[in-house]
């Protein structure tokens, strides 16, 4: 029987050097293994722009800042990821060059190539991070936003559709579902 090849392992320091010195790619790091992030579609990009624009407007003057997928997030000593967007209310994160340490809310725009990972392993990593209070998953193929909110011993789940608002209690704001899907035209099979 042939041995199954093991992926090359990399130190945190080597990962950070690779990620900083390759401006054309983004890599996530999980306990020594790296994975290159894939690009998104036009709709994925529009949803992300709508999201960060709305958050920037809603958070103005709040003491919290929104960051897009250019800022890496350290979830633990051996886990680094790139959420599609993230909010931090910790001033220590605002001046950081490339890595935030205290995300409060993370956002993922689901896509065909990342949906299983975002809903599975990545969501588990977010839930394990003690600073994250809310996880927002935005569907790409129909107008639906899923919210996971930390409770004492579990995560509370809610789903929101067209015409509804998503209450982000950790930030004291609400996001209109319609605003995030502005300029998105779903195929008839995908319509809400």
N, C-alpha and C. Protein backbone atom coordinates (compact mmCIF):
# COMPACT_ATOMS: atom_id res chain seq x y z
N UNK A 1 0.84 -1.17 0.00
CA UNK A 1 0.00 0.00 0.00
C UNK A 1 0.89 1.24 0.00
N UNK A 2 0.58 2.17 -0.86
CA UNK A 2 1.37 3.41 -0.96
C UNK A 2 0.98 4.37 0.15
N UNK A 3 1.96 5.08 0.63
CA UNK A 3 1.69 6.08 1.67
C UNK A 3 0.98 7.28 1.06
N UNK A 4 0.05 7.81 1.80
CA UNK A 4 -0.65 9.01 1.35
C UNK A 4 0.25 10.20 1.62
N UNK A 5 0.57 10.98 0.58
CA UNK A 5 1.46 12.12 0.79
C UNK A 5 0.84 13.12 1.77
N UNK A 6 1.65 13.59 2.68
CA UNK A 6 1.22 14.60 3.64
C UNK A 6 1.53 15.99 3.09
N UNK A 7 0.64 16.93 3.31
CA UNK A 7 0.93 18.28 2.82
C UNK A 7 2.15 18.85 3.52
N UNK A 8 2.87 19.71 2.81
CA UNK A 8 4.02 20.36 3.42
C UNK A 8 3.55 21.23 4.57
N UNK A 9 4.27 21.17 5.68
CA UNK A 9 3.95 21.98 6.85
C UNK A 9 4.83 23.22 6.82
N UNK A 10 4.32 24.30 7.36
CA UNK A 10 5.02 25.57 7.33
C UNK A 10 4.88 26.22 8.70
N UNK A 11 5.93 26.89 9.14
CA UNK A 11 5.86 27.62 10.40
C UNK A 11 5.02 28.88 10.22
N UNK A 12 4.52 29.43 11.32
CA UNK A 12 3.76 30.67 11.26
C UNK A 12 4.61 31.77 10.63
N UNK A 13 5.87 31.85 11.03
CA UNK A 13 6.75 32.89 10.51
C UNK A 13 6.93 32.77 9.00
N UNK A 14 7.11 31.54 8.50
CA UNK A 14 7.27 31.33 7.06
C UNK A 14 5.97 31.67 6.32
N UNK A 15 4.82 31.31 6.92
CA UNK A 15 3.54 31.66 6.32
C UNK A 15 3.39 33.18 6.20
N UNK A 16 3.64 33.88 7.30
CA UNK A 16 3.49 35.34 7.28
C UNK A 16 4.40 35.98 6.25
N UNK A 17 5.61 35.47 6.12
CA UNK A 17 6.54 35.99 5.11
C UNK A 17 6.01 35.74 3.70
N UNK A 18 5.53 34.52 3.44
CA UNK A 18 4.95 34.20 2.13
C UNK A 18 3.77 35.11 1.83
N UNK A 19 2.86 35.24 2.79
CA UNK A 19 1.64 36.01 2.57
C UNK A 19 1.96 37.50 2.35
N UNK A 20 2.92 38.02 3.07
CA UNK A 20 3.28 39.44 2.92
C UNK A 20 4.03 39.72 1.62
N UNK A 21 4.76 38.73 1.13
CA UNK A 21 5.60 38.94 -0.06
C UNK A 21 4.97 38.48 -1.36
N UNK A 22 3.71 38.06 -1.33
CA UNK A 22 3.01 37.65 -2.54
C UNK A 22 1.74 38.48 -2.67
N UNK A 23 1.85 39.71 -3.15
CA UNK A 23 0.68 40.60 -3.19
C UNK A 23 -0.41 40.15 -4.15
N UNK A 24 -0.11 39.22 -5.04
CA UNK A 24 -1.11 38.76 -6.00
C UNK A 24 -2.00 37.65 -5.47
N UNK A 25 -1.67 37.09 -4.31
CA UNK A 25 -2.44 35.98 -3.76
C UNK A 25 -2.67 36.18 -2.26
N UNK A 26 -3.71 35.53 -1.76
CA UNK A 26 -3.99 35.51 -0.33
C UNK A 26 -3.99 34.05 0.12
N UNK A 27 -3.38 33.82 1.27
CA UNK A 27 -3.28 32.46 1.80
C UNK A 27 -3.86 32.43 3.20
N UNK A 28 -4.57 31.35 3.52
CA UNK A 28 -5.01 31.11 4.89
C UNK A 28 -4.11 30.05 5.49
N UNK A 29 -4.01 30.06 6.81
CA UNK A 29 -3.06 29.19 7.52
C UNK A 29 -3.79 28.46 8.63
N UNK A 30 -3.66 27.12 8.64
CA UNK A 30 -4.32 26.29 9.65
C UNK A 30 -3.33 25.25 10.17
N UNK A 31 -2.78 25.52 11.34
CA UNK A 31 -1.90 24.55 12.01
C UNK A 31 -0.79 24.04 11.10
N UNK A 32 -0.15 24.91 10.38
CA UNK A 32 0.98 24.52 9.55
C UNK A 32 0.66 24.29 8.09
N UNK A 33 -0.61 24.15 7.75
CA UNK A 33 -1.01 23.96 6.35
C UNK A 33 -1.53 25.28 5.79
N UNK A 34 -1.16 25.57 4.54
CA UNK A 34 -1.65 26.79 3.91
C UNK A 34 -2.57 26.43 2.75
N UNK A 35 -3.51 27.34 2.47
CA UNK A 35 -4.36 27.19 1.30
C UNK A 35 -4.52 28.55 0.65
N UNK A 36 -4.44 28.57 -0.67
CA UNK A 36 -4.58 29.81 -1.42
C UNK A 36 -6.07 30.10 -1.59
N UNK A 37 -6.44 31.34 -1.38
CA UNK A 37 -7.83 31.75 -1.52
C UNK A 37 -8.15 31.97 -3.00
N UNK A 38 -9.36 31.58 -3.38
CA UNK A 38 -9.77 31.77 -4.77
C UNK A 38 -10.43 33.13 -4.94
N UNK A 39 -10.46 33.61 -6.17
CA UNK A 39 -11.11 34.88 -6.47
C UNK A 39 -12.62 34.71 -6.51
N UNK A 40 -13.34 35.82 -6.52
CA UNK A 40 -14.79 35.77 -6.54
C UNK A 40 -15.36 36.24 -7.86
N UNK A 41 -16.68 36.15 -7.97
CA UNK A 41 -17.38 36.57 -9.18
C UNK A 41 -17.73 38.06 -9.10
N UNK A 42 -18.30 38.59 -10.17
CA UNK A 42 -18.74 39.99 -10.17
C UNK A 42 -19.81 40.21 -9.10
N UNK A 43 -20.78 39.29 -9.00
CA UNK A 43 -21.83 39.43 -7.98
C UNK A 43 -21.23 39.38 -6.57
N UNK A 44 -20.27 38.49 -6.36
CA UNK A 44 -19.59 38.39 -5.06
C UNK A 44 -18.96 39.74 -4.71
N UNK A 45 -18.30 40.35 -5.68
CA UNK A 45 -17.66 41.64 -5.47
C UNK A 45 -18.68 42.74 -5.18
N UNK A 46 -19.78 42.76 -5.92
CA UNK A 46 -20.82 43.77 -5.69
C UNK A 46 -21.40 43.64 -4.29
N UNK A 47 -21.68 42.41 -3.87
CA UNK A 47 -22.23 42.19 -2.52
C UNK A 47 -21.23 42.67 -1.46
N UNK A 48 -19.94 42.35 -1.63
CA UNK A 48 -18.93 42.81 -0.67
C UNK A 48 -18.85 44.33 -0.61
N UNK A 49 -18.90 44.98 -1.77
CA UNK A 49 -18.86 46.45 -1.80
C UNK A 49 -20.10 47.02 -1.12
N UNK A 50 -21.27 46.46 -1.42
CA UNK A 50 -22.50 46.92 -0.77
C UNK A 50 -22.39 46.76 0.75
N UNK A 51 -21.86 45.62 1.18
CA UNK A 51 -21.72 45.33 2.61
C UNK A 51 -20.79 46.33 3.29
N UNK A 52 -19.60 46.50 2.76
CA UNK A 52 -18.63 47.38 3.43
C UNK A 52 -19.09 48.85 3.39
N UNK A 53 -19.78 49.23 2.31
CA UNK A 53 -20.31 50.60 2.22
C UNK A 53 -21.37 50.82 3.29
N UNK A 54 -22.31 49.87 3.42
CA UNK A 54 -23.35 49.98 4.44
C UNK A 54 -22.76 50.01 5.84
N UNK A 55 -21.82 49.11 6.10
CA UNK A 55 -21.20 49.06 7.43
C UNK A 55 -20.46 50.35 7.75
N UNK A 56 -19.71 50.86 6.79
CA UNK A 56 -18.97 52.12 7.00
C UNK A 56 -19.93 53.24 7.39
N UNK A 57 -21.04 53.33 6.67
CA UNK A 57 -22.04 54.36 6.96
C UNK A 57 -22.66 54.16 8.35
N UNK A 58 -23.07 52.94 8.65
CA UNK A 58 -23.75 52.66 9.92
C UNK A 58 -22.84 52.78 11.13
N UNK A 59 -21.55 52.55 10.94
CA UNK A 59 -20.61 52.56 12.07
C UNK A 59 -19.94 53.92 12.27
N UNK A 60 -20.19 54.87 11.39
CA UNK A 60 -19.55 56.19 11.50
C UNK A 60 -19.78 56.77 12.90
N UNK A 61 -18.68 57.14 13.56
CA UNK A 61 -18.76 57.74 14.89
C UNK A 61 -18.97 56.76 16.03
N UNK A 62 -18.98 55.47 15.73
CA UNK A 62 -19.27 54.47 16.77
C UNK A 62 -18.04 53.99 17.53
N UNK A 63 -16.86 54.25 16.98
CA UNK A 63 -15.65 53.70 17.60
C UNK A 63 -15.30 52.32 17.06
N UNK A 64 -16.08 51.84 16.08
CA UNK A 64 -15.79 50.56 15.44
C UNK A 64 -15.41 50.81 13.98
N UNK A 65 -14.61 49.92 13.42
CA UNK A 65 -14.16 50.07 12.04
C UNK A 65 -14.46 48.80 11.25
N UNK A 66 -14.81 48.98 9.97
CA UNK A 66 -15.01 47.85 9.07
C UNK A 66 -13.75 47.68 8.23
N UNK A 67 -13.39 46.43 8.00
CA UNK A 67 -12.24 46.09 7.16
C UNK A 67 -12.70 45.09 6.11
N UNK A 68 -12.12 45.18 4.91
CA UNK A 68 -12.47 44.23 3.86
C UNK A 68 -11.50 43.05 3.87
N UNK A 69 -11.55 42.27 2.83
CA UNK A 69 -10.77 41.03 2.78
C UNK A 69 -9.28 41.24 2.57
N UNK A 70 -8.82 42.48 2.55
CA UNK A 70 -7.38 42.73 2.47
C UNK A 70 -6.69 42.58 3.82
N UNK A 71 -7.46 42.57 4.91
CA UNK A 71 -6.87 42.46 6.24
C UNK A 71 -7.02 41.03 6.76
N UNK A 72 -5.90 40.43 7.06
CA UNK A 72 -5.86 39.07 7.61
C UNK A 72 -6.33 39.13 9.07
N UNK A 73 -6.96 38.04 9.54
CA UNK A 73 -7.41 37.94 10.93
C UNK A 73 -6.72 36.74 11.57
N UNK A 74 -6.12 36.96 12.73
CA UNK A 74 -5.52 35.87 13.50
C UNK A 74 -6.57 35.37 14.48
N UNK A 75 -7.02 34.12 14.28
CA UNK A 75 -8.03 33.53 15.15
C UNK A 75 -7.42 32.84 16.35
N UNK A 76 -6.19 32.36 16.20
CA UNK A 76 -5.45 31.72 17.29
C UNK A 76 -3.97 31.78 16.90
N UNK A 77 -3.13 31.21 17.73
CA UNK A 77 -1.68 31.25 17.45
C UNK A 77 -1.32 30.55 16.15
N UNK A 78 -2.17 29.62 15.70
CA UNK A 78 -1.85 28.84 14.49
C UNK A 78 -2.95 28.89 13.43
N UNK A 79 -3.80 29.91 13.48
CA UNK A 79 -4.88 30.01 12.50
C UNK A 79 -5.04 31.47 12.04
N UNK A 80 -4.88 31.65 10.73
CA UNK A 80 -5.03 32.96 10.11
C UNK A 80 -5.98 32.82 8.92
N UNK A 81 -6.95 33.72 8.82
CA UNK A 81 -7.92 33.66 7.73
C UNK A 81 -8.18 35.06 7.18
N UNK A 82 -8.84 35.09 6.02
CA UNK A 82 -9.26 36.34 5.39
C UNK A 82 -10.78 36.33 5.25
N UNK A 83 -11.52 36.90 6.19
CA UNK A 83 -12.97 37.01 5.98
C UNK A 83 -13.25 38.03 4.87
N UNK A 84 -14.43 37.93 4.26
CA UNK A 84 -14.79 38.91 3.23
C UNK A 84 -14.89 40.32 3.82
N UNK A 85 -15.33 40.40 5.07
CA UNK A 85 -15.33 41.67 5.80
C UNK A 85 -15.31 41.34 7.28
N UNK A 86 -14.91 42.33 8.07
CA UNK A 86 -14.79 42.14 9.51
C UNK A 86 -14.93 43.48 10.19
N UNK A 87 -15.51 43.48 11.38
CA UNK A 87 -15.59 44.70 12.19
C UNK A 87 -14.83 44.47 13.48
N UNK A 88 -14.02 45.45 13.84
CA UNK A 88 -13.31 45.45 15.12
C UNK A 88 -13.60 46.77 15.81
N UNK A 89 -13.83 46.69 17.11
CA UNK A 89 -14.04 47.90 17.91
C UNK A 89 -12.85 48.13 18.83
N UNK A 90 -11.76 47.42 18.58
CA UNK A 90 -10.54 47.53 19.37
C UNK A 90 -9.56 48.46 18.66
N UNK A 91 -9.25 49.62 19.25
CA UNK A 91 -8.32 50.56 18.60
C UNK A 91 -6.97 49.93 18.25
N UNK A 92 -6.57 48.89 18.95
CA UNK A 92 -5.29 48.24 18.64
C UNK A 92 -5.29 47.65 17.23
N UNK A 93 -6.46 47.24 16.72
CA UNK A 93 -6.54 46.66 15.37
C UNK A 93 -6.47 47.72 14.28
N UNK A 94 -6.82 48.96 14.57
CA UNK A 94 -6.95 49.97 13.53
C UNK A 94 -5.63 50.37 12.93
N UNK A 95 -4.58 50.32 13.69
CA UNK A 95 -3.28 50.72 13.16
C UNK A 95 -2.42 49.56 12.70
N UNK A 96 -2.96 48.37 12.75
CA UNK A 96 -2.18 47.19 12.36
C UNK A 96 -1.95 47.18 10.87
N UNK A 97 -0.77 46.73 10.49
CA UNK A 97 -0.39 46.73 9.08
C UNK A 97 -1.17 45.70 8.27
N UNK A 98 -1.28 44.48 8.78
CA UNK A 98 -1.89 43.45 7.95
C UNK A 98 -2.65 42.36 8.70
N UNK A 99 -2.69 42.40 10.03
CA UNK A 99 -3.34 41.33 10.78
C UNK A 99 -4.13 41.92 11.95
N UNK A 100 -5.44 41.64 11.98
CA UNK A 100 -6.28 42.03 13.11
C UNK A 100 -6.32 40.89 14.12
N UNK A 101 -6.39 41.24 15.39
CA UNK A 101 -6.37 40.24 16.45
C UNK A 101 -7.70 40.11 17.19
N UNK A 102 -8.57 41.12 17.09
CA UNK A 102 -9.80 41.10 17.89
C UNK A 102 -11.04 41.38 17.04
N UNK A 103 -11.36 40.49 16.10
CA UNK A 103 -12.58 40.69 15.32
C UNK A 103 -13.80 40.54 16.23
N UNK A 104 -14.80 41.38 16.03
CA UNK A 104 -16.04 41.29 16.79
C UNK A 104 -17.14 40.62 15.96
N UNK A 105 -17.23 41.02 14.68
CA UNK A 105 -18.19 40.43 13.75
C UNK A 105 -17.44 40.10 12.46
N UNK A 106 -17.68 38.91 11.92
CA UNK A 106 -17.08 38.52 10.64
C UNK A 106 -18.19 38.25 9.63
N UNK A 107 -17.87 38.51 8.36
CA UNK A 107 -18.82 38.36 7.26
C UNK A 107 -18.20 37.51 6.17
N UNK A 108 -18.97 36.58 5.64
CA UNK A 108 -18.55 35.78 4.49
C UNK A 108 -19.65 35.84 3.44
N UNK A 109 -19.26 36.17 2.21
CA UNK A 109 -20.17 36.07 1.07
C UNK A 109 -19.93 34.70 0.48
N UNK A 110 -20.94 33.86 0.55
CA UNK A 110 -20.79 32.48 0.07
C UNK A 110 -20.67 32.47 -1.45
N UNK A 111 -19.91 31.52 -1.97
CA UNK A 111 -19.77 31.35 -3.41
C UNK A 111 -19.68 29.86 -3.69
N UNK A 112 -19.90 29.45 -4.94
CA UNK A 112 -19.86 28.01 -5.23
C UNK A 112 -18.56 27.35 -4.80
N UNK A 113 -17.44 28.03 -4.97
CA UNK A 113 -16.15 27.40 -4.67
C UNK A 113 -15.81 27.40 -3.18
N UNK A 114 -16.44 28.27 -2.39
CA UNK A 114 -16.07 28.36 -0.97
C UNK A 114 -17.20 28.02 -0.01
N UNK A 115 -18.40 27.79 -0.51
CA UNK A 115 -19.56 27.63 0.37
C UNK A 115 -19.38 26.51 1.39
N UNK A 116 -18.94 25.34 0.97
CA UNK A 116 -18.78 24.23 1.91
C UNK A 116 -17.77 24.58 3.00
N UNK A 117 -16.66 25.18 2.62
CA UNK A 117 -15.63 25.58 3.59
C UNK A 117 -16.14 26.68 4.52
N UNK A 118 -16.80 27.71 3.95
CA UNK A 118 -17.30 28.82 4.77
C UNK A 118 -18.36 28.36 5.77
N UNK A 119 -19.24 27.45 5.34
CA UNK A 119 -20.30 26.96 6.23
C UNK A 119 -19.80 25.92 7.22
N UNK A 120 -18.71 25.26 6.90
CA UNK A 120 -18.19 24.19 7.74
C UNK A 120 -17.00 24.60 8.57
N UNK A 121 -15.82 24.25 8.07
CA UNK A 121 -14.59 24.44 8.85
C UNK A 121 -14.34 25.89 9.24
N UNK A 122 -14.52 26.82 8.31
CA UNK A 122 -14.23 28.22 8.63
C UNK A 122 -15.21 28.75 9.68
N UNK A 123 -16.49 28.39 9.57
CA UNK A 123 -17.47 28.81 10.58
C UNK A 123 -17.11 28.23 11.94
N UNK A 124 -16.63 26.99 11.97
CA UNK A 124 -16.19 26.39 13.24
C UNK A 124 -15.02 27.17 13.84
N UNK A 125 -14.08 27.59 12.99
CA UNK A 125 -12.94 28.39 13.46
C UNK A 125 -13.41 29.72 14.03
N UNK A 126 -14.36 30.34 13.37
CA UNK A 126 -14.90 31.60 13.87
C UNK A 126 -15.57 31.40 15.23
N UNK A 127 -16.36 30.34 15.36
CA UNK A 127 -17.04 30.08 16.63
C UNK A 127 -16.06 29.83 17.77
N UNK A 128 -14.88 29.30 17.45
CA UNK A 128 -13.87 29.01 18.47
C UNK A 128 -13.09 30.26 18.90
N UNK A 129 -13.21 31.33 18.16
CA UNK A 129 -12.48 32.58 18.47
C UNK A 129 -13.27 33.36 19.53
N UNK A 130 -12.66 33.59 20.67
CA UNK A 130 -13.38 34.18 21.81
C UNK A 130 -13.85 35.62 21.58
N UNK A 131 -13.26 36.35 20.66
CA UNK A 131 -13.67 37.75 20.46
C UNK A 131 -14.84 37.90 19.49
N UNK A 132 -15.12 36.87 18.70
CA UNK A 132 -16.20 36.96 17.71
C UNK A 132 -17.55 36.73 18.38
N UNK A 133 -18.43 37.72 18.24
CA UNK A 133 -19.77 37.65 18.82
C UNK A 133 -20.83 37.30 17.79
N UNK A 134 -20.59 37.66 16.52
CA UNK A 134 -21.57 37.37 15.47
C UNK A 134 -20.86 36.98 14.18
N UNK A 135 -21.46 36.01 13.49
CA UNK A 135 -20.97 35.54 12.19
C UNK A 135 -22.11 35.75 11.20
N UNK A 136 -21.83 36.43 10.09
CA UNK A 136 -22.85 36.73 9.10
C UNK A 136 -22.46 36.06 7.78
N UNK A 137 -23.35 35.19 7.29
CA UNK A 137 -23.13 34.47 6.03
C UNK A 137 -24.14 34.99 5.01
N UNK A 138 -23.64 35.49 3.90
CA UNK A 138 -24.47 36.12 2.88
C UNK A 138 -24.50 35.21 1.66
N UNK A 139 -25.69 34.74 1.31
CA UNK A 139 -25.83 33.83 0.17
C UNK A 139 -25.65 34.59 -1.14
N UNK A 140 -25.08 33.91 -2.13
CA UNK A 140 -24.80 34.54 -3.43
C UNK A 140 -25.88 34.24 -4.46
N UNK A 141 -26.61 33.14 -4.28
CA UNK A 141 -27.54 32.68 -5.32
C UNK A 141 -29.00 33.02 -5.03
N UNK A 142 -29.27 33.54 -3.87
CA UNK A 142 -30.60 34.02 -3.50
C UNK A 142 -30.45 34.99 -2.33
N UNK A 143 -31.44 35.85 -2.15
CA UNK A 143 -31.35 36.89 -1.13
C UNK A 143 -31.66 36.30 0.25
N UNK A 144 -30.62 35.86 0.91
CA UNK A 144 -30.75 35.32 2.27
C UNK A 144 -29.47 35.59 3.04
N UNK A 145 -29.63 36.04 4.27
CA UNK A 145 -28.50 36.28 5.15
C UNK A 145 -28.70 35.45 6.41
N UNK A 146 -27.70 34.67 6.76
CA UNK A 146 -27.75 33.85 7.97
C UNK A 146 -26.88 34.49 9.04
N UNK A 147 -27.42 34.59 10.23
CA UNK A 147 -26.72 35.21 11.35
C UNK A 147 -26.55 34.19 12.47
N UNK A 148 -25.32 34.05 12.94
CA UNK A 148 -25.01 33.25 14.12
C UNK A 148 -24.55 34.22 15.20
N UNK A 149 -25.24 34.17 16.36
CA UNK A 149 -24.90 35.07 17.47
C UNK A 149 -24.52 34.22 18.69
N UNK A 150 -23.39 34.59 19.29
CA UNK A 150 -22.91 33.88 20.47
C UNK A 150 -23.89 34.08 21.63
N UNK A 151 -24.23 32.98 22.29
CA UNK A 151 -25.01 33.02 23.53
C UNK A 151 -24.13 32.37 24.60
N UNK A 152 -24.65 32.21 25.80
CA UNK A 152 -23.82 31.70 26.89
C UNK A 152 -23.16 30.35 26.57
N UNK A 153 -23.96 29.38 26.14
CA UNK A 153 -23.41 28.04 25.92
C UNK A 153 -23.63 27.52 24.50
N UNK A 154 -24.15 28.35 23.63
CA UNK A 154 -24.43 27.91 22.27
C UNK A 154 -24.45 29.12 21.35
N UNK A 155 -24.66 28.86 20.06
CA UNK A 155 -24.80 29.92 19.07
C UNK A 155 -26.25 29.96 18.61
N UNK A 156 -26.85 31.13 18.64
CA UNK A 156 -28.23 31.33 18.19
C UNK A 156 -28.21 31.60 16.69
N UNK A 157 -29.11 30.95 15.93
CA UNK A 157 -29.16 31.09 14.47
C UNK A 157 -30.45 31.78 14.06
N UNK A 158 -30.34 32.73 13.12
CA UNK A 158 -31.50 33.35 12.49
C UNK A 158 -31.20 33.53 11.01
N UNK A 159 -32.25 33.45 10.20
CA UNK A 159 -32.12 33.65 8.77
C UNK A 159 -33.02 34.82 8.36
N UNK A 160 -32.55 35.65 7.43
CA UNK A 160 -33.27 36.85 7.02
C UNK A 160 -33.41 36.89 5.50
N UNK A 161 -34.56 37.38 5.03
CA UNK A 161 -34.86 37.43 3.60
C UNK A 161 -35.13 38.88 3.17
N UNK A 162 -35.50 39.04 1.90
CA UNK A 162 -35.82 40.34 1.32
C UNK A 162 -36.85 41.07 2.20
N UNK A 163 -36.62 42.36 2.40
CA UNK A 163 -37.54 43.18 3.19
C UNK A 163 -37.27 43.14 4.68
N UNK A 164 -36.34 42.31 5.12
CA UNK A 164 -36.04 42.20 6.55
C UNK A 164 -34.72 42.89 6.87
N UNK A 165 -34.50 43.08 8.16
CA UNK A 165 -33.25 43.68 8.62
C UNK A 165 -32.54 42.73 9.57
N UNK A 166 -31.23 42.71 9.48
CA UNK A 166 -30.39 41.84 10.30
C UNK A 166 -29.88 42.65 11.49
N UNK A 167 -30.33 42.31 12.71
CA UNK A 167 -29.85 43.05 13.88
C UNK A 167 -28.48 42.55 14.34
N UNK A 168 -27.50 43.41 14.26
CA UNK A 168 -26.16 43.07 14.76
C UNK A 168 -26.04 43.71 16.15
N UNK A 169 -26.45 42.95 17.16
CA UNK A 169 -26.55 43.50 18.51
C UNK A 169 -25.20 43.88 19.09
N UNK A 170 -24.15 43.18 18.71
CA UNK A 170 -22.83 43.51 19.25
C UNK A 170 -22.35 44.87 18.76
N UNK A 171 -22.92 45.34 17.65
CA UNK A 171 -22.55 46.64 17.08
C UNK A 171 -23.62 47.70 17.28
N UNK A 172 -24.83 47.28 17.69
CA UNK A 172 -25.92 48.22 17.87
C UNK A 172 -26.46 48.78 16.56
N UNK A 173 -26.41 47.99 15.48
CA UNK A 173 -26.89 48.43 14.17
C UNK A 173 -27.75 47.34 13.54
N UNK A 174 -28.47 47.70 12.48
CA UNK A 174 -29.20 46.71 11.68
C UNK A 174 -28.81 46.90 10.21
N UNK A 175 -28.67 45.78 9.52
CA UNK A 175 -28.35 45.77 8.09
C UNK A 175 -29.60 45.38 7.31
N UNK A 176 -29.98 46.19 6.33
CA UNK A 176 -31.11 45.85 5.47
C UNK A 176 -30.67 44.81 4.45
N UNK A 177 -31.39 43.70 4.38
CA UNK A 177 -31.06 42.65 3.41
C UNK A 177 -31.05 43.24 2.00
N UNK A 178 -32.06 44.04 1.69
CA UNK A 178 -32.17 44.61 0.34
C UNK A 178 -30.93 45.42 -0.05
N UNK A 179 -30.35 46.14 0.89
CA UNK A 179 -29.18 46.99 0.58
C UNK A 179 -27.98 46.15 0.16
N UNK A 180 -27.83 44.97 0.74
CA UNK A 180 -26.67 44.14 0.39
C UNK A 180 -26.80 43.52 -0.99
N UNK A 181 -28.04 43.36 -1.46
CA UNK A 181 -28.25 42.76 -2.78
C UNK A 181 -28.57 43.81 -3.85
N UNK A 182 -28.33 45.08 -3.56
CA UNK A 182 -28.54 46.14 -4.54
C UNK A 182 -27.70 45.86 -5.79
N UNK A 183 -28.31 45.96 -6.95
CA UNK A 183 -27.68 45.73 -8.25
C UNK A 183 -27.40 44.25 -8.55
N UNK A 184 -27.91 43.35 -7.75
CA UNK A 184 -27.77 41.91 -8.02
C UNK A 184 -29.05 41.43 -8.67
N UNK A 185 -28.91 40.77 -9.81
CA UNK A 185 -30.06 40.21 -10.51
C UNK A 185 -29.95 38.70 -10.45
N UNK A 186 -30.86 38.08 -9.71
CA UNK A 186 -30.86 36.62 -9.60
C UNK A 186 -31.50 36.01 -10.83
N UNK A 187 -31.05 34.82 -11.19
CA UNK A 187 -31.67 34.07 -12.26
C UNK A 187 -33.06 33.64 -11.79
N UNK A 188 -34.02 33.42 -12.71
CA UNK A 188 -35.38 33.05 -12.30
C UNK A 188 -35.40 31.88 -11.32
N UNK A 189 -34.54 30.89 -11.51
CA UNK A 189 -34.50 29.75 -10.59
C UNK A 189 -33.99 30.15 -9.21
N UNK A 190 -33.23 31.25 -9.14
CA UNK A 190 -32.61 31.68 -7.89
C UNK A 190 -33.39 32.79 -7.20
N UNK A 191 -34.45 33.29 -7.83
CA UNK A 191 -35.17 34.43 -7.26
C UNK A 191 -35.73 34.07 -5.90
N UNK A 192 -35.84 35.06 -5.00
CA UNK A 192 -36.35 34.80 -3.65
C UNK A 192 -37.79 34.37 -3.65
